[in-house]
Amino acid sequence: MPAPAESRGAAPGSARVVLGTSSQAAELVGRYRRRGCAPIGTWQWDVTDHDGVVIVKNLPPTTP
């Protein structure tokens, strides 16, 4: 996940960011893992025919 996506995906002061992607996007899930993200579950959307992967990344503490 590019750094701008991390900063946009989390509110100021957030400890982590959670996102989702298709379970069929193995290359993308691998890219997220290499950037420090970890899959924490799956989700089945009503509008797709496949599971999604729920991914979390812990963010570094921010200093005021």
Protein backbone atom coordinates (compact mmCIF):
# COMPACT_ATOMS: atom_id res chain seq x y z
CA MET A 1 0.00 0.00 0.00
CA PRO A 2 1.58 3.31 -0.97
CA ALA A 3 2.22 5.75 1.87
CA PRO A 4 -0.39 8.26 0.57
CA ALA A 5 -3.05 5.54 0.77
CA GLU A 6 -2.04 4.82 4.35
CA SER A 7 -2.32 8.47 5.33
CA ARG A 8 -5.66 8.90 3.53
CA GLY A 9 -7.06 5.65 4.89
CA ALA A 10 -6.61 6.56 8.54
CA ALA A 11 -7.90 9.42 10.61
CA PRO A 12 -5.25 11.56 12.32
CA GLY A 13 -3.91 9.71 15.34
CA SER A 14 -5.14 6.30 14.18
CA ALA A 15 -3.17 3.29 15.29
CA ARG A 16 -4.04 1.21 12.23
CA VAL A 17 -5.68 1.24 8.84
CA VAL A 18 -8.01 -1.52 7.62
CA LEU A 19 -8.78 -2.16 3.97
CA GLY A 20 -10.11 -4.85 1.73
CA THR A 21 -9.40 -6.35 -1.66
CA SER A 22 -10.42 -9.37 -3.69
CA SER A 23 -9.20 -12.74 -2.49
CA GLN A 24 -8.48 -13.43 -6.16
CA ALA A 25 -5.93 -10.59 -6.29
CA ALA A 26 -3.04 -12.70 -4.97
CA GLU A 27 -0.39 -10.33 -6.35
CA LEU A 28 -2.02 -7.33 -4.66
CA VAL A 29 -2.38 -9.17 -1.34
CA GLY A 30 1.32 -10.09 -1.61
CA ARG A 31 2.22 -6.44 -2.20
CA TYR A 32 0.24 -5.41 0.89
CA ARG A 33 2.03 -8.08 2.95
CA ARG A 34 5.44 -6.82 1.81
CA ARG A 35 4.43 -3.34 3.02
CA GLY A 36 3.67 -4.63 6.51
CA CYS A 37 -0.02 -5.46 6.18
CA ALA A 38 -1.58 -8.67 7.48
CA PRO A 39 -4.80 -10.40 6.39
CA ILE A 40 -7.17 -10.69 9.34
CA GLY A 41 -10.26 -12.22 7.76
CA THR A 42 -12.53 -12.54 4.77
CA TRP A 43 -15.78 -10.95 3.72
CA GLN A 44 -18.44 -11.92 1.20
CA TRP A 45 -19.99 -8.89 -0.49
CA ASP A 46 -23.54 -9.29 -1.78
CA VAL A 47 -22.53 -7.92 -5.19
CA THR A 48 -19.55 -10.19 -5.96
CA ASP A 49 -19.06 -13.88 -6.62
CA HIS A 50 -15.86 -14.15 -4.57
CA ASP A 51 -14.60 -13.46 -1.06
CA GLY A 52 -12.75 -10.32 -0.15
CA VAL A 53 -9.69 -10.23 2.09
CA VAL A 54 -9.70 -7.86 5.07
CA ILE A 55 -6.20 -6.47 5.68
CA VAL A 56 -4.80 -4.39 8.55
CA LYS A 57 -1.63 -2.36 8.90
CA ASN A 58 -0.45 -0.91 12.20
CA LEU A 59 0.69 2.67 11.74
CA PRO A 60 3.62 4.33 13.50
CA PRO A 61 2.71 6.64 16.37
CA THR A 62 2.30 10.27 15.42
CA THR A 63 3.83 13.07 17.39
CA PRO A 64 1.93 16.31 17.88
